[in-house]
Each structure stands twice: as C-alpha cells, then as structure tokens.
Amino acid sequence: MNRIVAGVVAAVVLSGCATVPQTPQEKILGVWTCSVVMGGLEGMSTMTYMPDGTATGPVTFVGETDGVEIDLSGNVKSTWQFLDDGRLSETVREFSVTTAKFDGDVMGPDLIASMIQPMIAAGIQGQEAVTDVTFDGPTMTMSAQDAEPTICKR
C-alpha cells in the first residue's frame, strides 16, 4: 500500500512540474525558423533568442519590389525585451549583407560594401519593432498594426 501511495504522490508532483507555465521571456528562448512578407519580399530567418536579450541569425529576402527582382542574404543581430504591457520590443543592432542579386545580376563584395550595405543599414539598423506575440505550441506569431505577421516555428 505504501508503494501505491508513494507512486501516486510522485506522479502528482511530477505532473505539477510539467504544467508550470512559462513566461514569454522563457518561451521565446532558443531557435526559431521565421517567415514574413514585406513589400513584395518574402523574408526567412533562423533566429536564436538568448537569455541575455540578444538574438542572431541568418536572413534572406527574395521577391520583387518596385519592379526589381531581389535576392538578398545576410546576418542580423538584435536586442529584445518584453515590455510591461506584454508586447515584444526588438531592435536591429546590425545587419550585414553577405550576398545580393538584383534582376539576376550578382553584386560583388565591393558593391555590397560601398552601396548596398549602407543603404540597408540606414533603413533598418537601430529601428525598434514593437509587436504583440502569441505562442501556440511550436508556433510564435509576432503581429503589429499595418504589417503582415511574422510566423516562427520550432
């Protein structure tokens, strides 16, 4: 009888541990494969969110904007935090372009460094995005007003 009672107590204790709710700060940690559509471009990334409030990962943008076919890849570094209202604030600290094609023409490293990198950096570095975040199992959705949601999966 003691073994039965001990087994039931152990099962109750273990099941209680398994159902402890995680905070958003805990849920976001780890690797996410994300996608978003912005201005005719499809963005894909594999972001790693770390406990120190930083995130890093490779990013690609492919599609057409303003009549130009774009295929761009790079690496992003950002900082993140959850605000008191529960929304996520994320700021791009660095975006380094590694490859770029415009209308199928491959841009060389000199052109990337002198023209494309500064243009991209001016547009996104230092920009803060504040989004509503929902977690549903292995899916994280980041939504902002007047923007397509970013969908991330584990």
Protein backbone atom coordinates (compact mmCIF):
# COMPACT_ATOMS: atom_id res chain seq x y z
CA MET A 1 0.00 0.00 0.00
CA ASN A 2 2.86 2.39 0.82
CA ARG A 3 4.30 1.84 -2.69
CA ILE A 4 0.97 2.72 -4.30
CA VAL A 5 0.65 5.92 -2.23
CA ALA A 6 4.30 6.83 -2.97
CA GLY A 7 3.71 6.22 -6.69
CA VAL A 8 0.59 8.41 -6.72
CA VAL A 9 2.39 11.20 -4.81
CA ALA A 10 5.36 11.02 -7.24
CA ALA A 11 3.02 11.18 -10.25
CA VAL A 12 1.19 14.20 -8.81
CA VAL A 13 4.47 16.01 -8.03
CA LEU A 14 5.91 15.27 -11.50
CA SER A 15 2.73 16.29 -13.30
CA GLY A 16 2.74 19.56 -11.34
CA CYS A 17 6.27 20.26 -12.56
CA ALA A 18 5.30 19.58 -16.16
CA THR A 19 2.44 22.09 -16.09
CA VAL A 20 4.33 25.07 -14.65
CA PRO A 21 3.51 27.88 -17.08
CA GLN A 22 6.45 29.54 -18.78
CA THR A 23 6.78 33.29 -19.06
CA PRO A 24 7.09 34.83 -22.53
CA GLN A 25 10.76 35.53 -21.70
CA GLU A 26 11.26 31.78 -21.28
CA LYS A 27 9.10 30.71 -24.22
CA ILE A 28 11.00 32.85 -26.75
CA LEU A 29 14.39 31.34 -25.91
CA GLY A 30 16.01 29.06 -28.46
CA VAL A 31 15.97 28.64 -32.22
CA TRP A 32 13.02 29.73 -34.38
CA THR A 33 12.56 29.48 -38.15
CA CYS A 34 10.62 32.60 -39.13
CA SER A 35 8.92 33.93 -42.25
CA VAL A 36 7.30 37.24 -43.16
CA VAL A 37 6.12 39.04 -46.30
CA MET A 38 7.10 42.71 -46.55
CA GLY A 39 6.55 44.92 -49.56
CA GLY A 40 6.59 42.06 -52.06
CA LEU A 41 9.60 40.37 -50.47
CA GLU A 42 9.46 37.09 -48.59
CA GLY A 43 11.79 37.12 -45.61
CA MET A 44 13.10 33.95 -43.99
CA SER A 45 15.35 33.67 -40.96
CA THR A 46 16.58 31.23 -38.39
CA MET A 47 16.80 33.30 -35.23
CA THR A 48 18.33 32.22 -31.95
CA TYR A 49 16.90 34.14 -28.98
CA MET A 50 19.26 34.10 -25.99
CA PRO A 51 18.63 34.76 -22.28
CA ASP A 52 20.82 37.88 -22.33
CA GLY A 53 18.26 39.69 -24.52
CA THR A 54 20.08 39.25 -27.82
CA ALA A 55 19.12 37.37 -30.97
CA THR A 56 21.16 36.41 -34.01
CA GLY A 57 20.68 34.55 -37.23
CA PRO A 58 20.90 34.36 -40.99
CA VAL A 59 18.23 36.19 -43.01
CA THR A 60 17.16 36.07 -46.67
CA PHE A 61 14.79 38.28 -48.65
CA VAL A 62 13.52 37.14 -52.05
CA GLY A 63 10.91 38.65 -54.33
CA GLU A 64 10.01 41.70 -56.34
CA THR A 65 9.71 45.27 -55.15
CA ASP A 66 9.36 48.40 -57.27
CA GLY A 67 9.74 46.23 -60.40
CA VAL A 68 13.11 44.83 -59.33
CA GLU A 69 13.74 41.15 -58.54
CA ILE A 70 15.72 40.95 -55.30
CA ASP A 71 17.61 38.06 -53.73
CA LEU A 72 19.47 39.23 -50.64
CA SER A 73 21.03 37.36 -47.74
CA GLY A 74 22.83 38.41 -44.61
CA ASN A 75 23.15 38.08 -40.87
CA VAL A 76 21.21 40.01 -38.26
CA LYS A 77 21.92 40.83 -34.63
CA SER A 78 19.21 42.32 -32.47
CA THR A 79 18.28 43.01 -28.88
CA TRP A 80 14.89 42.08 -27.47
CA GLN A 81 12.79 42.53 -24.36
CA PHE A 82 9.20 42.08 -23.30
CA LEU A 83 7.58 45.34 -22.24
CA ASP A 84 5.35 45.75 -19.18
CA ASP A 85 2.27 45.52 -21.42
CA GLY A 86 3.41 42.08 -22.70
CA ARG A 87 4.48 43.22 -26.17
CA LEU A 88 7.90 42.38 -27.60
CA SER A 89 10.34 45.16 -28.39
CA GLU A 90 13.10 44.13 -30.80
CA THR A 91 15.77 46.42 -32.22
CA VAL A 92 18.09 45.51 -35.10
CA ARG A 93 21.63 46.38 -33.97
CA GLU A 94 23.46 45.04 -37.01
CA PHE A 95 22.58 43.67 -40.43
CA SER A 96 25.48 42.52 -42.57
CA VAL A 97 24.73 41.76 -46.22
CA THR A 98 26.56 38.65 -47.45
CA THR A 99 25.06 38.20 -50.95
CA ALA A 100 22.88 40.31 -53.22
CA LYS A 101 21.29 39.90 -56.65
CA PHE A 102 19.17 42.49 -58.40
CA ASP A 103 17.27 41.33 -61.51
CA GLY A 104 19.59 38.31 -61.57
CA ASP A 105 22.81 40.37 -61.54
CA VAL A 106 25.16 39.28 -58.79
CA MET A 107 26.58 42.18 -56.83
CA GLY A 108 30.27 41.83 -55.96
CA PRO A 109 31.72 42.36 -52.48
CA ASP A 110 32.92 45.90 -53.30
CA LEU A 111 29.47 47.00 -54.46
CA ILE A 112 27.83 45.34 -51.44
CA ALA A 113 30.22 47.12 -49.06
CA SER A 114 30.07 50.53 -50.71
CA MET A 115 26.42 50.81 -51.71
CA ILE A 116 24.08 48.02 -50.63
CA GLN A 117 25.25 47.57 -47.03
CA PRO A 118 24.98 51.31 -46.18
CA MET A 119 21.56 51.53 -47.86
CA ILE A 120 20.20 48.53 -45.94
CA ALA A 121 21.80 49.64 -42.68
CA ALA A 122 20.29 53.11 -42.96
CA GLY A 123 16.85 51.60 -43.41
CA ILE A 124 16.78 49.05 -40.60
CA GLN A 125 19.63 49.37 -38.11
CA GLY A 126 18.51 50.95 -34.88
CA GLN A 127 14.84 50.56 -35.79
CA GLU A 128 12.63 49.26 -33.00
CA ALA A 129 9.71 46.97 -33.77
CA VAL A 130 7.07 46.50 -31.08
CA THR A 131 4.79 43.53 -31.67
CA ASP A 132 2.07 41.53 -30.00
CA VAL A 133 3.37 37.98 -29.51
CA THR A 134 1.35 34.81 -29.17
CA PHE A 135 2.71 31.34 -28.52
CA ASP A 136 0.76 28.29 -29.65
CA GLY A 137 2.73 25.10 -29.12
CA PRO A 138 5.69 25.18 -31.51
CA THR A 139 4.50 28.41 -33.20
CA MET A 140 5.24 32.01 -32.27
CA THR A 141 3.34 34.79 -34.08
CA MET A 142 4.53 38.40 -33.95
CA SER A 143 1.88 40.90 -35.07
CA ALA A 144 1.96 44.66 -35.48
CA GLN A 145 -0.63 47.07 -36.76
CA ASP A 146 -0.49 47.63 -40.55
CA ALA A 147 2.04 44.83 -41.08
CA GLU A 148 1.95 41.19 -42.09
CA PRO A 149 2.58 38.91 -39.11
CA THR A 150 5.89 37.15 -38.66
CA ILE A 151 5.32 33.42 -38.16
CA CYS A 152 8.03 31.43 -36.39
CA LYS A 153 8.19 27.69 -35.80
CA ARG A 154 10.44 25.44 -33.75
